[in-house]
Structure formats: C-alpha cells, structure tokens
Amino acid sequence: MPESANEQGGSPKNQALQPMQLRMTIAASRVNELPEVVLPDEYTLRAYWAGDEQSWVRLLRLAGFTTWNLQRIDEFLEDPERGDGSRVVAKGGAIVSATFASRADWNDQQVGVLDFVASHPDHRRLGLSRAVCTAVLDFLVTAGYPEVILDTDDWRLPAIGMYLSLGFEPVMRREDMPARWKAVMEQLDAEK
C-alpha cells in the first residue's frame, strides 16, 4: 500500500494535504469473537473459483470501483493469499458480494488487509458484505496476522457503519483524520 509523503513526515505542515482514504483496524482477538453470519437460503458463501473473474468485475463496477477489468482482477488474484483467502457470495452463479484478502506492511509488521468490499445494489441489507468480510477476517487471522486493516472513503457511510459493527476502529494517521472521522460519526448518528 503506498503511503503518502505526509504520512511519512516528508511534507511541510503548511502544504495542502494530498487526498488519503480513511483507515480502520481490528485486532485478531476481536475477530475471534465475531459471530457466524447466516445467509438467506438462495445465497452461498464460498472461496474464489477460477471462472469467477467476469462476474467479479461486473460486481466491482456496480459497487463504484469503475477501473476494474479482467486483466486487473487476474493480476490481483495472482497473489496466492488473495487467491486462497478472498471470499464471495454467489446467487444463481453470479457473484453478488465479495472482498479480497490481502496483506501489507504497516507499523513495522505484516498485517492482513480487507480489500475492495463490494455488494450488488439489488442484494444489499441481507448481511452479504458482513459474511464475506467475516470470512476473509477469519482467513487472515488464521494465517497469523495480528491485525487486519482496511482503507475506505468518507462517503461510504453504510460500509463504515458495518465495519464499526464488526469491531473495526478508526486510525488517526494524519492531522486531518480526527475532523474527518468526527464528521463521519456525526453523519452515521444522524442516519440512525
């Protein structure tokens, strides 16, 4: 994961901050406490299978990740951890929710990464994202990572709400983060 010059301390304080996603983290011990997610009967939680690529690209694009194509997903899944640890929910052969298992160096250690969580707009509010996230978290913790991180955008409020309910916590990795997180939390509270 590329880190910005600001995060590494290489940029003067008076210079405008470059855009940076919000980061969240969850400790392995909290992942072990998560309850199992039960899906509606017509949905199946499973690992990535060869042949899923086109359906996964369609899902990613529907979820707003518009730069995905077959080449990018093939390259992304070449990493053995992503190929083995990524999870999907399928219905009738189509992937309707998915996320990748990744890893990164952070705080001088290897950590798991929950990457590109996506759900089909017609299949939301059924616990599908929670199911793929929980399954990938279990995979990463079983693989020995002491914590799992994710990066997200301020406007992805439903996703952030779900991450918080799983036990993820905000990371204040830059001077603009407290105010941004405060605004996100206020918006989440207003939507209750």
C-alpha atoms as a PDB file:
ATOM      1  CA  MET A   1       0.000   0.000   0.000  1.00  0.00           C
ATOM      2  CA  PRO A   2       1.530   3.286  -0.961  1.00  0.00           C
ATOM      3  CA  GLU A   3       1.971   5.693   1.888  1.00  0.00           C
ATOM      4  CA  SER A   4       1.872   9.422   1.277  1.00  0.00           C
ATOM      5  CA  ALA A   5       4.783  11.759   1.874  1.00  0.00           C
ATOM      6  CA  ASN A   6       2.696  13.420   4.594  1.00  0.00           C
ATOM      7  CA  GLU A   7       2.226  10.159   6.433  1.00  0.00           C
ATOM      8  CA  GLN A   8       5.954   9.545   6.332  1.00  0.00           C
ATOM      9  CA  GLY A   9       6.657  13.036   7.581  1.00  0.00           C
ATOM     10  CA  GLY A  10       8.270  14.283   4.379  1.00  0.00           C
ATOM     11  CA  SER A  11       5.896  17.143   3.616  1.00  0.00           C
ATOM     12  CA  PRO A  12       5.842  20.562   5.300  1.00  0.00           C
ATOM     13  CA  LYS A  13       2.842  21.225   7.565  1.00  0.00           C
ATOM     14  CA  ASN A  14       1.768  24.323   5.674  1.00  0.00           C
ATOM     15  CA  GLN A  15       1.458  22.415   2.401  1.00  0.00           C
ATOM     16  CA  ALA A  16      -2.012  21.149   1.456  1.00  0.00           C
ATOM     17  CA  LEU A  17      -2.597  17.517   2.372  1.00  0.00           C
ATOM     18  CA  GLN A  18      -2.958  15.096  -0.505  1.00  0.00           C
ATOM     19  CA  PRO A  19      -6.186  13.057  -0.533  1.00  0.00           C
ATOM     20  CA  MET A  20      -5.953   9.937   1.594  1.00  0.00           C
ATOM     21  CA  GLN A  21      -8.526   7.315   2.444  1.00  0.00           C
ATOM     22  CA  LEU A  22      -9.641   6.697   5.979  1.00  0.00           C
ATOM     23  CA  ARG A  23      -8.068   3.671   7.648  1.00  0.00           C
ATOM     24  CA  MET A  24      -9.603   1.266  10.133  1.00  0.00           C
ATOM     25  CA  THR A  25      -8.103  -1.623  12.088  1.00  0.00           C
ATOM     26  CA  ILE A  26      -9.252  -4.660  14.044  1.00  0.00           C
ATOM     27  CA  ALA A  27      -7.136  -6.850  16.321  1.00  0.00           C
ATOM     28  CA  ALA A  28      -7.056 -10.611  15.774  1.00  0.00           C
ATOM     29  CA  SER A  29      -8.523 -11.167  19.242  1.00  0.00           C
ATOM     30  CA  ARG A  30     -11.657  -9.230  18.265  1.00  0.00           C
ATOM     31  CA  VAL A  31     -12.042 -11.201  15.028  1.00  0.00           C
ATOM     32  CA  ASN A  32     -12.134 -14.431  17.038  1.00  0.00           C
ATOM     33  CA  GLU A  33     -15.212 -13.099  18.886  1.00  0.00           C
ATOM     34  CA  LEU A  34     -17.309 -12.403  15.769  1.00  0.00           C
ATOM     35  CA  PRO A  35     -20.496 -14.447  15.435  1.00  0.00           C
ATOM     36  CA  GLU A  36     -21.123 -16.580  12.371  1.00  0.00           C
ATOM     37  CA  VAL A  37     -23.233 -14.898   9.699  1.00  0.00           C
ATOM     38  CA  VAL A  38     -26.208 -16.885   8.401  1.00  0.00           C
ATOM     39  CA  LEU A  39     -27.215 -16.081   4.829  1.00  0.00           C
ATOM     40  CA  PRO A  40     -30.640 -16.429   3.204  1.00  0.00           C
ATOM     41  CA  ASP A  41     -31.073 -19.900   1.623  1.00  0.00           C
ATOM     42  CA  GLU A  42     -30.526 -18.877  -2.003  1.00  0.00           C
ATOM     43  CA  TYR A  43     -27.068 -17.387  -1.287  1.00  0.00           C
ATOM     44  CA  THR A  44     -23.791 -19.307  -0.966  1.00  0.00           C
ATOM     45  CA  LEU A  45     -20.635 -18.070   0.769  1.00  0.00           C
ATOM     46  CA  ARG A  46     -17.542 -19.615  -0.790  1.00  0.00           C
ATOM     47  CA  ALA A  47     -13.944 -19.107  -1.817  1.00  0.00           C
ATOM     48  CA  TYR A  48     -12.982 -17.595  -5.164  1.00  0.00           C
ATOM     49  CA  TRP A  49     -13.125 -20.106  -8.027  1.00  0.00           C
ATOM     50  CA  ALA A  50     -11.415 -19.852 -11.403  1.00  0.00           C
ATOM     51  CA  GLY A  51     -14.108 -18.600 -13.761  1.00  0.00           C
ATOM     52  CA  ASP A  52     -15.483 -16.027 -11.272  1.00  0.00           C
ATOM     53  CA  GLU A  53     -13.482 -13.180 -12.772  1.00  0.00           C
ATOM     54  CA  GLN A  54     -16.040 -11.655 -15.168  1.00  0.00           C
ATOM     55  CA  SER A  55     -18.823 -11.755 -12.585  1.00  0.00           C
ATOM     56  CA  TRP A  56     -16.493 -10.202 -10.007  1.00  0.00           C
ATOM     57  CA  VAL A  57     -15.516  -7.396 -12.392  1.00  0.00           C
ATOM     58  CA  ARG A  58     -19.212  -6.623 -13.012  1.00  0.00           C
ATOM     59  CA  LEU A  59     -19.827  -6.526  -9.255  1.00  0.00           C
ATOM     60  CA  LEU A  60     -16.863  -4.238  -8.577  1.00  0.00           C
ATOM     61  CA  ARG A  61     -18.019  -1.814 -11.250  1.00  0.00           C
ATOM     62  CA  LEU A  62     -21.590  -1.787  -9.910  1.00  0.00           C
ATOM     63  CA  ALA A  63     -20.197  -1.017  -6.464  1.00  0.00           C
ATOM     64  CA  GLY A  64     -18.373   2.054  -7.790  1.00  0.00           C
ATOM     65  CA  PHE A  65     -14.901   0.574  -8.401  1.00  0.00           C
ATOM     66  CA  THR A  66     -15.034   1.513 -12.079  1.00  0.00           C
ATOM     67  CA  THR A  67     -11.386   0.920 -13.018  1.00  0.00           C
ATOM     68  CA  TRP A  68     -11.591  -2.865 -12.687  1.00  0.00           C
ATOM     69  CA  ASN A  69     -11.278  -5.092 -15.760  1.00  0.00           C
ATOM     70  CA  LEU A  70     -10.358  -8.739 -16.392  1.00  0.00           C
ATOM     71  CA  GLN A  71      -6.646  -8.014 -16.650  1.00  0.00           C
ATOM     72  CA  ARG A  72      -6.592  -6.178 -13.327  1.00  0.00           C
ATOM     73  CA  ILE A  73      -8.549  -8.856 -11.496  1.00  0.00           C
ATOM     74  CA  ASP A  74      -6.327 -11.607 -12.953  1.00  0.00           C
ATOM     75  CA  GLU A  75      -3.215  -9.726 -11.813  1.00  0.00           C
ATOM     76  CA  PHE A  76      -4.723  -9.050  -8.388  1.00  0.00           C
ATOM     77  CA  LEU A  77      -5.632 -12.714  -7.861  1.00  0.00           C
ATOM     78  CA  GLU A  78      -2.160 -13.942  -8.893  1.00  0.00           C
ATOM     79  CA  ASP A  79      -1.088 -13.265  -5.318  1.00  0.00           C
ATOM     80  CA  PRO A  80      -1.547 -16.657  -3.574  1.00  0.00           C
ATOM     81  CA  GLU A  81      -3.022 -15.053  -0.463  1.00  0.00           C
ATOM     82  CA  ARG A  82      -5.700 -13.268  -2.473  1.00  0.00           C
ATOM     83  CA  GLY A  83      -6.467 -16.377  -4.496  1.00  0.00           C
ATOM     84  CA  ASP A  84      -6.818 -18.532  -1.381  1.00  0.00           C
ATOM     85  CA  GLY A  85      -8.337 -16.069   1.063  1.00  0.00           C
ATOM     86  CA  SER A  86     -10.750 -13.972  -0.964  1.00  0.00           C
ATOM     87  CA  ARG A  87     -14.437 -14.771  -0.483  1.00  0.00           C
ATOM     88  CA  VAL A  88     -17.596 -14.305  -2.492  1.00  0.00           C
ATOM     89  CA  VAL A  89     -21.325 -14.726  -2.013  1.00  0.00           C
ATOM     90  CA  ALA A  90     -22.987 -16.167  -5.094  1.00  0.00           C
ATOM     91  CA  LYS A  91     -26.611 -16.443  -6.127  1.00  0.00           C
ATOM     92  CA  GLY A  92     -27.536 -18.382  -9.235  1.00  0.00           C
ATOM     93  CA  GLY A  93     -23.942 -18.442 -10.437  1.00  0.00           C
ATOM     94  CA  ALA A  94     -23.445 -14.667 -10.181  1.00  0.00           C
ATOM     95  CA  ILE A  95     -21.238 -13.059  -7.559  1.00  0.00           C
ATOM     96  CA  VAL A  96     -23.340 -10.592  -5.566  1.00  0.00           C
ATOM     97  CA  SER A  97     -20.890  -9.757  -2.777  1.00  0.00           C
ATOM     98  CA  ALA A  98     -17.125 -10.173  -2.493  1.00  0.00           C
ATOM     99  CA  THR A  99     -13.911  -8.990  -0.925  1.00  0.00           C
ATOM    100  CA  PHE A 100     -10.237  -9.751  -1.369  1.00  0.00           C
ATOM    101  CA  ALA A 101      -7.817 -10.962   1.296  1.00  0.00           C
ATOM    102  CA  SER A 102      -4.567  -9.037   1.013  1.00  0.00           C
ATOM    103  CA  ARG A 103      -1.577  -8.189   3.169  1.00  0.00           C
ATOM    104  CA  ALA A 104       0.579  -5.127   3.736  1.00  0.00           C
ATOM    105  CA  ASP A 105       3.421  -3.767   5.809  1.00  0.00           C
ATOM    106  CA  TRP A 106       2.067  -1.372   8.423  1.00  0.00           C
ATOM    107  CA  ASN A 107       3.530  -0.186  11.724  1.00  0.00           C
ATOM    108  CA  ASP A 108       6.645  -2.303  11.133  1.00  0.00           C
ATOM    109  CA  GLN A 109       4.714  -5.567  10.793  1.00  0.00           C
ATOM    110  CA  GLN A 110       2.808  -7.605   8.232  1.00  0.00           C
ATOM    111  CA  VAL A 111      -0.954  -7.187   8.634  1.00  0.00           C
ATOM    112  CA  GLY A 112      -3.957  -8.569   6.819  1.00  0.00           C
ATOM    113  CA  VAL A 113      -5.958  -6.274   4.575  1.00  0.00           C
ATOM    114  CA  LEU A 114      -9.657  -6.381   3.760  1.00  0.00           C
ATOM    115  CA  ASP A 115      -9.658  -5.073   0.188  1.00  0.00           C
ATOM    116  CA  PHE A 116     -12.434  -3.794  -2.108  1.00  0.00           C
ATOM    117  CA  VAL A 117     -15.592  -4.890  -0.281  1.00  0.00           C
ATOM    118  CA  ALA A 118     -18.442  -4.862  -2.798  1.00  0.00           C
ATOM    119  CA  SER A 119     -22.109  -5.840  -2.837  1.00  0.00           C
ATOM    120  CA  HIS A 120     -24.572  -5.735  -5.705  1.00  0.00           C
ATOM    121  CA  PRO A 121     -27.065  -2.882  -5.203  1.00  0.00           C
ATOM    122  CA  ASP A 122     -30.012  -5.267  -5.636  1.00  0.00           C
ATOM    123  CA  HIS A 123     -28.755  -7.559  -2.855  1.00  0.00           C
ATOM    124  CA  ARG A 124     -27.890  -5.132  -0.070  1.00  0.00           C
ATOM    125  CA  ARG A 125     -29.088  -5.245   3.540  1.00  0.00           C
ATOM    126  CA  LEU A 126     -29.041  -9.052   3.610  1.00  0.00           C
ATOM    127  CA  GLY A 127     -25.780  -9.468   5.534  1.00  0.00           C
ATOM    128  CA  LEU A 128     -23.808 -10.457   2.433  1.00  0.00           C
ATOM    129  CA  SER A 129     -20.958  -7.970   2.954  1.00  0.00           C
ATOM    130  CA  ARG A 130     -20.802  -8.929   6.619  1.00  0.00           C
ATOM    131  CA  ALA A 131     -20.493 -12.584   5.570  1.00  0.00           C
ATOM    132  CA  VAL A 132     -17.618 -12.046   3.102  1.00  0.00           C
ATOM    133  CA  CYS A 133     -15.834  -9.675   5.489  1.00  0.00           C
ATOM    134  CA  THR A 134     -16.122 -12.098   8.418  1.00  0.00           C
ATOM    135  CA  ALA A 135     -14.897 -14.999   6.270  1.00  0.00           C
ATOM    136  CA  VAL A 136     -11.876 -13.039   5.000  1.00  0.00           C
ATOM    137  CA  LEU A 137     -11.120 -11.795   8.527  1.00  0.00           C
ATOM    138  CA  ASP A 138     -11.177 -15.414   9.755  1.00  0.00           C
ATOM    139  CA  PHE A 139      -8.820 -16.428   6.937  1.00  0.00           C
ATOM    140  CA  LEU A 140      -6.356 -13.625   7.700  1.00  0.00           C
ATOM    141  CA  VAL A 141      -6.332 -14.227  11.453  1.00  0.00           C
ATOM    142  CA  THR A 142      -5.919 -17.982  10.935  1.00  0.00           C
ATOM    143  CA  ALA A 143      -2.979 -17.143   8.639  1.00  0.00           C
ATOM    144  CA  GLY A 144      -1.357 -15.483  11.647  1.00  0.00           C
ATOM    145  CA  TYR A 145      -1.835 -11.776  11.085  1.00  0.00           C
ATOM    146  CA  PRO A 146      -2.061  -9.908  14.423  1.00  0.00           C
ATOM    147  CA  GLU A 147      -4.462  -7.345  12.997  1.00  0.00           C
ATOM    148  CA  VAL A 148      -6.375  -6.504   9.846  1.00  0.00           C
ATOM    149  CA  ILE A 149      -6.694  -3.066   8.261  1.00  0.00           C
ATOM    150  CA  LEU A 150      -8.869  -1.566   5.576  1.00  0.00           C
ATOM    151  CA  ASP A 151      -8.994   1.738   3.749  1.00  0.00           C
ATOM    152  CA  THR A 152     -12.264   3.396   2.820  1.00  0.00           C
ATOM    153  CA  ASP A 153     -13.754   6.672   1.648  1.00  0.00           C
ATOM    154  CA  ASP A 154     -15.582   9.131   3.901  1.00  0.00           C
ATOM    155  CA  TRP A 155     -18.769   8.913   1.810  1.00  0.00           C
ATOM    156  CA  ARG A 156     -19.113   5.102   2.109  1.00  0.00           C
ATOM    157  CA  LEU A 157     -21.256   5.503   5.224  1.00  0.00           C
ATOM    158  CA  PRO A 158     -23.157   2.175   5.105  1.00  0.00           C
ATOM    159  CA  ALA A 159     -19.859   0.301   4.714  1.00  0.00           C
ATOM    160  CA  ILE A 160     -18.212   2.260   7.534  1.00  0.00           C
ATOM    161  CA  GLY A 161     -21.192   1.525   9.774  1.00  0.00           C
ATOM    162  CA  MET A 162     -20.819  -2.179   9.041  1.00  0.00           C
ATOM    163  CA  TYR A 163     -17.052  -2.092   9.678  1.00  0.00           C
ATOM    164  CA  LEU A 164     -17.635  -0.377  13.021  1.00  0.00           C
ATOM    165  CA  SER A 165     -20.248  -3.003  13.958  1.00  0.00           C
ATOM    166  CA  LEU A 166     -17.678  -5.726  13.207  1.00  0.00           C
ATOM    167  CA  GLY A 167     -15.278  -4.100  15.671  1.00  0.00           C
ATOM    168  CA  PHE A 168     -13.015  -2.092  13.378  1.00  0.00           C
ATOM    169  CA  GLU A 169     -11.701   1.123  14.899  1.00  0.00           C
ATOM    170  CA  PRO A 170     -10.653   4.362  13.182  1.00  0.00           C
ATOM    171  CA  VAL A 171      -6.947   5.066  12.787  1.00  0.00           C
ATOM    172  CA  MET A 172      -5.798   8.669  13.187  1.00  0.00           C
ATOM    173  CA  ARG A 173      -2.824   8.525  10.853  1.00  0.00           C
ATOM    174  CA  ARG A 174      -2.729  12.142   9.800  1.00  0.00           C
ATOM    175  CA  GLU A 175      -3.661  15.543  11.243  1.00  0.00           C
ATOM    176  CA  ASP A 176      -6.871  15.839   9.190  1.00  0.00           C
ATOM    177  CA  MET A 177      -8.231  12.460  10.342  1.00  0.00           C
ATOM    178  CA  PRO A 178      -9.863  13.439  13.672  1.00  0.00           C
ATOM    179  CA  ALA A 179     -12.080  16.046  11.995  1.00  0.00           C
ATOM    180  CA  ARG A 180     -12.932  13.724   9.114  1.00  0.00           C
ATOM    181  CA  TRP A 181     -13.815  10.880  11.477  1.00  0.00           C
ATOM    182  CA  LYS A 182     -15.899  13.239  13.617  1.00  0.00           C
ATOM    183  CA  ALA A 183     -17.892  14.244  10.528  1.00  0.00           C
ATOM    184  CA  VAL A 184     -18.382  10.596   9.523  1.00  0.00           C
ATOM    185  CA  MET A 185     -19.580   9.646  13.021  1.00  0.00           C
ATOM    186  CA  GLU A 186     -21.988  12.581  13.113  1.00  0.00           C
ATOM    187  CA  GLN A 187     -23.444  11.537   9.741  1.00  0.00           C
ATOM    188  CA  LEU A 188     -23.807   7.927  10.939  1.00  0.00           C
ATOM    189  CA  ASP A 189     -25.547   9.127  14.119  1.00  0.00           C
ATOM    190  CA  ALA A 190     -27.903  11.344  12.087  1.00  0.00           C
ATOM    191  CA  GLU A 191     -28.920   8.351   9.954  1.00  0.00           C
ATOM    192  CA  LYS A 192     -29.957   6.231  12.959  1.00  0.00           C
END
